[in-house]
């Protein structure tokens, strides 16, 4: 299923998410610290508030039953899903703390920004899936989000011609240092394994090609790509928000 979704054409092309102007500026280390702070303030809302509620909703949907034997297939599957979701919750709590520490360390103001409409749309979709979707749909949504996050790592990563010692590529030293730290956070082996664990769980759901759930999975992937594209702030958006303060 996951291979099919990645290869599927989406309403908004996936390339628009991984090659967004914000990411290209981050990769070349030409991102202004104010715009980085705007993005980080929105990602903190997602990570500290919406994501934990989403994961909590999925945990509540795990179909534990007393009649499942301790060594039964159903119990093993449920425990595997629980382990994945509890790890994701622990990881996002750590990441939310990491955001705050990085903001303080590099002087990024997270308090002065209004919640963007794209942030509200993303958090609303998380709430909708957690409250009204099935566990399977929630797990597909989780994999889609984390798969997108892992793909962005390449966009944040230094190009051969750029780096901390190439000052001509950077307009803002604090932003450059912060981005370097973010890249280190997202390229650790633990996160890479987590994304792959999400894939394994989704592919083990046994969703058959052509089924209703298969079709819903395609809709979920399409929607996540759309949300991810819109979540990146536009270059200059921070100036517009500042002018309205």
Protein backbone atom coordinates (compact mmCIF):
# COMPACT_ATOMS: atom_id res chain seq x y z
CA UNK A 1 0.00 0.00 0.00
CA UNK A 2 2.67 2.52 0.97
CA UNK A 3 4.63 1.96 -2.26
CA UNK A 4 1.44 2.51 -4.22
CA UNK A 5 0.65 5.75 -2.40
CA UNK A 6 4.13 7.18 -2.88
CA UNK A 7 3.98 6.45 -6.61
CA UNK A 8 0.44 7.78 -7.01
CA UNK A 9 -0.15 11.13 -8.67
CA UNK A 10 -1.71 13.57 -6.21
CA UNK A 11 -3.91 16.62 -6.75
CA UNK A 12 -1.03 18.84 -5.70
CA UNK A 13 2.31 17.32 -6.77
CA UNK A 14 4.42 15.87 -3.95
CA UNK A 15 7.41 17.69 -5.43
CA UNK A 16 5.75 20.97 -4.48
CA UNK A 17 6.07 19.97 -0.84
CA UNK A 18 9.70 18.85 -0.91
CA UNK A 19 10.81 21.68 -3.21
CA UNK A 20 8.87 24.50 -1.58
CA UNK A 21 10.65 27.92 -1.69
CA UNK A 22 10.87 27.88 2.12
CA UNK A 23 12.79 24.58 2.03
CA UNK A 24 15.02 25.72 -0.81
CA UNK A 25 15.92 28.84 1.18
CA UNK A 26 16.60 26.69 4.25
CA UNK A 27 18.80 24.35 2.25
CA UNK A 28 20.90 27.20 0.86
CA UNK A 29 20.98 28.75 4.35
CA UNK A 30 19.39 31.96 3.07
CA UNK A 31 16.37 31.79 5.36
CA UNK A 32 15.65 34.80 7.53
CA UNK A 33 15.39 34.05 11.26
CA UNK A 34 11.98 35.76 11.47
CA UNK A 35 10.52 33.46 8.82
CA UNK A 36 12.14 30.46 10.53
CA UNK A 37 10.58 31.58 13.82
CA UNK A 38 7.15 31.87 12.15
CA UNK A 39 7.41 28.32 10.83
CA UNK A 40 8.70 26.98 14.15
CA UNK A 41 5.84 28.65 16.05
CA UNK A 42 3.35 26.82 13.82
CA UNK A 43 5.17 23.50 14.06
CA UNK A 44 5.14 23.84 17.84
CA UNK A 45 1.32 24.16 17.79
CA UNK A 46 1.17 21.00 15.68
CA UNK A 47 3.69 19.05 17.79
CA UNK A 48 2.78 20.21 21.28
CA UNK A 49 -1.01 20.29 20.94
CA UNK A 50 -2.56 18.63 17.88
CA UNK A 51 -0.26 15.62 17.45
CA UNK A 52 -0.59 14.32 21.05
CA UNK A 53 -4.39 14.55 20.86
CA UNK A 54 -4.29 12.70 17.54
CA UNK A 55 -2.13 9.89 18.93
CA UNK A 56 -4.30 9.65 22.04
CA UNK A 57 -7.35 9.19 19.83
CA UNK A 58 -5.66 6.38 17.92
CA UNK A 59 -4.58 4.60 21.10
CA UNK A 60 -8.20 4.67 22.26
CA UNK A 61 -9.22 2.90 19.03
CA UNK A 62 -6.94 -0.13 19.48
CA UNK A 63 -9.40 -3.06 19.71
CA UNK A 64 -8.12 -4.73 22.87
CA UNK A 65 -10.35 -7.58 24.05
CA UNK A 66 -10.18 -9.88 27.06
CA UNK A 67 -10.91 -12.93 24.91
CA UNK A 68 -7.74 -12.38 22.85
CA UNK A 69 -5.16 -14.88 24.03
CA UNK A 70 -1.88 -13.51 25.33
CA UNK A 71 -0.04 -15.08 22.41
CA UNK A 72 -2.79 -14.60 19.85
CA UNK A 73 -2.29 -12.85 16.54
CA UNK A 74 -4.78 -10.15 17.52
CA UNK A 75 -3.02 -9.38 20.79
CA UNK A 76 0.39 -9.26 19.10
CA UNK A 77 -0.92 -6.88 16.43
CA UNK A 78 -2.53 -4.62 19.02
CA UNK A 79 0.61 -4.50 21.12
CA UNK A 80 2.69 -3.68 18.06
CA UNK A 81 0.41 -0.76 17.22
CA UNK A 82 0.47 0.40 20.85
CA UNK A 83 4.27 0.33 20.90
CA UNK A 84 4.41 2.39 17.72
CA UNK A 85 1.95 4.98 19.01
CA UNK A 86 3.51 5.30 22.45
CA UNK A 87 6.91 5.83 20.84
CA UNK A 88 5.44 8.50 18.55
CA UNK A 89 3.96 10.26 21.60
CA UNK A 90 7.23 10.16 23.52
CA UNK A 91 9.09 11.38 20.44
CA UNK A 92 6.80 14.35 19.82
CA UNK A 93 7.03 15.42 23.49
CA UNK A 94 10.81 15.37 23.12
CA UNK A 95 10.59 17.28 19.85
CA UNK A 96 8.32 19.97 21.29
CA UNK A 97 10.89 20.48 24.04
CA UNK A 98 13.65 20.57 21.45
CA UNK A 99 11.80 23.34 19.59
CA UNK A 100 11.59 25.48 22.71
CA UNK A 101 15.24 24.94 23.57
CA UNK A 102 16.33 25.76 20.02
CA UNK A 103 14.19 28.90 19.96
CA UNK A 104 15.77 30.13 23.18
CA UNK A 105 19.28 29.15 22.10
CA UNK A 106 19.10 30.92 18.73
CA UNK A 107 16.86 33.83 19.67
CA UNK A 108 13.80 32.74 17.69
CA UNK A 109 10.62 34.45 18.91
CA UNK A 110 7.75 31.95 19.01
CA UNK A 111 5.24 34.10 20.89
CA UNK A 112 4.54 36.93 18.44
CA UNK A 113 2.94 34.98 15.62
CA UNK A 114 -0.71 34.32 14.88
CA UNK A 115 -1.86 30.84 14.03
CA UNK A 116 -1.89 30.47 10.24
CA UNK A 117 -4.97 29.21 8.43
CA UNK A 118 -2.87 26.32 7.10
CA UNK A 119 -2.00 25.34 10.68
CA UNK A 120 -5.66 25.40 11.67
CA UNK A 121 -6.52 23.25 8.66
CA UNK A 122 -3.86 20.68 9.55
CA UNK A 123 -4.82 20.47 13.23
CA UNK A 124 -8.52 20.25 12.30
CA UNK A 125 -7.79 17.33 9.96
CA UNK A 126 -5.84 15.56 12.71
CA UNK A 127 -8.80 15.99 15.05
CA UNK A 128 -11.27 14.78 12.41
CA UNK A 129 -9.30 11.61 11.66
CA UNK A 130 -8.73 10.87 15.36
CA UNK A 131 -12.41 11.37 16.25
CA UNK A 132 -14.24 10.02 13.21
CA UNK A 133 -11.80 7.89 11.25
CA UNK A 134 -10.95 4.25 11.81
CA UNK A 135 -7.74 3.09 13.45
CA UNK A 136 -6.51 1.99 10.03
CA UNK A 137 -7.13 5.44 8.58
CA UNK A 138 -5.33 7.02 11.53
CA UNK A 139 -2.29 4.79 11.06
CA UNK A 140 -2.17 5.62 7.36
CA UNK A 141 -2.37 9.32 8.20
CA UNK A 142 0.44 8.92 10.75
CA UNK A 143 2.68 7.16 8.23
CA UNK A 144 1.93 9.81 5.58
CA UNK A 145 2.93 12.64 7.92
CA UNK A 146 6.11 10.97 9.09
CA UNK A 147 7.05 9.90 5.55
CA UNK A 148 6.75 13.52 4.47
CA UNK A 149 8.90 14.61 7.43
CA UNK A 150 11.64 12.15 6.49
CA UNK A 151 11.60 13.35 2.89
CA UNK A 152 12.05 16.96 4.01
CA UNK A 153 15.31 16.03 5.70
CA UNK A 154 16.95 15.91 2.26
CA UNK A 155 15.64 19.40 1.54
CA UNK A 156 17.10 20.78 4.77
CA UNK A 157 20.42 19.01 4.33
CA UNK A 158 23.48 21.00 3.31
CA UNK A 159 24.39 21.07 -0.35
CA UNK A 160 28.07 20.43 -1.17
CA UNK A 161 28.60 24.14 -1.83
CA UNK A 162 27.01 25.37 1.37
CA UNK A 163 27.67 24.96 5.04
CA UNK A 164 28.54 26.72 8.26
CA UNK A 165 31.84 28.02 6.88
CA UNK A 166 30.41 29.35 3.64
CA UNK A 167 29.18 32.68 4.94
CA UNK A 168 28.32 34.00 1.49
CA UNK A 169 25.37 31.61 1.34
CA UNK A 170 23.82 32.77 4.60
CA UNK A 171 22.04 36.03 5.35
CA UNK A 172 21.32 35.21 8.98
CA UNK A 173 23.81 33.45 11.23
CA UNK A 174 21.26 32.47 13.89
CA UNK A 175 18.95 30.93 11.30
CA UNK A 176 21.84 28.99 9.77
CA UNK A 177 22.94 27.58 13.11
CA UNK A 178 19.36 26.67 14.03
CA UNK A 179 18.80 24.87 10.71
CA UNK A 180 21.99 22.88 11.20
CA UNK A 181 20.71 21.76 14.59
CA UNK A 182 17.30 20.83 13.16
CA UNK A 183 18.95 18.67 10.50
CA UNK A 184 20.90 16.82 13.19
CA UNK A 185 17.67 16.20 15.09
CA UNK A 186 15.84 14.76 12.08
CA UNK A 187 18.60 12.60 10.66
CA UNK A 188 19.10 10.38 13.69
CA UNK A 189 18.72 6.62 13.20
CA UNK A 190 15.93 6.37 15.77
CA UNK A 191 13.65 8.62 13.72
CA UNK A 192 14.53 6.84 10.48
CA UNK A 193 13.59 3.51 12.11
CA UNK A 194 10.33 4.99 13.42
CA UNK A 195 9.27 6.06 9.92
CA UNK A 196 10.03 2.57 8.64
CA UNK A 197 8.09 1.02 11.53
CA UNK A 198 5.09 3.14 10.50
CA UNK A 199 5.42 1.78 6.97
CA UNK A 200 5.60 -1.83 8.17
CA UNK A 201 2.51 -1.43 10.34
CA UNK A 202 0.49 0.15 7.52
CA UNK A 203 1.55 -2.51 5.02
CA UNK A 204 0.65 -5.23 7.52
CA UNK A 205 -2.95 -4.02 7.82
CA UNK A 206 -3.90 -6.26 4.90
CA UNK A 207 -5.78 -3.58 2.99
CA UNK A 208 -6.71 -5.03 -0.38
CA UNK A 209 -6.26 -3.16 -3.63
CA UNK A 210 -9.60 -1.83 -4.88
CA UNK A 211 -11.28 -2.03 -1.48
CA UNK A 212 -13.07 0.91 0.12
CA UNK A 213 -10.26 1.33 2.65
CA UNK A 214 -7.67 1.28 -0.16
CA UNK A 215 -9.55 4.17 -1.80
CA UNK A 216 -9.74 6.05 1.50
CA UNK A 217 -5.99 5.56 1.92
CA UNK A 218 -5.46 7.27 -1.45
CA UNK A 219 -7.63 10.18 -0.31
CA UNK A 220 -5.64 10.43 2.94
CA UNK A 221 -2.30 10.53 1.12
CA UNK A 222 -3.62 13.18 -1.26
CA UNK A 223 -4.87 15.28 1.65
CA UNK A 224 -1.66 15.00 3.66
CA UNK A 225 0.40 16.14 0.65
CA UNK A 226 -1.92 19.13 0.28
CA UNK A 227 -1.67 19.99 3.98
CA UNK A 228 2.10 19.67 3.95
CA UNK A 229 2.49 22.02 0.98
CA UNK A 230 0.29 24.65 2.59
CA UNK A 231 2.01 24.31 5.99
CA UNK A 232 5.25 25.85 4.72
CA UNK A 233 5.11 29.66 5.05
CA UNK A 234 5.71 31.73 1.95
CA UNK A 235 8.83 33.85 1.61
CA UNK A 236 7.98 37.31 2.95
CA UNK A 237 4.96 36.11 4.93
CA UNK A 238 6.68 37.05 8.17
CA UNK A 239 6.87 40.67 6.99
CA UNK A 240 3.12 40.70 6.34
CA UNK A 241 2.38 39.35 9.80
CA UNK A 242 4.76 41.88 11.38
CA UNK A 243 3.04 44.74 9.57
CA UNK A 244 -0.27 43.75 11.16
CA UNK A 245 1.03 43.69 14.74
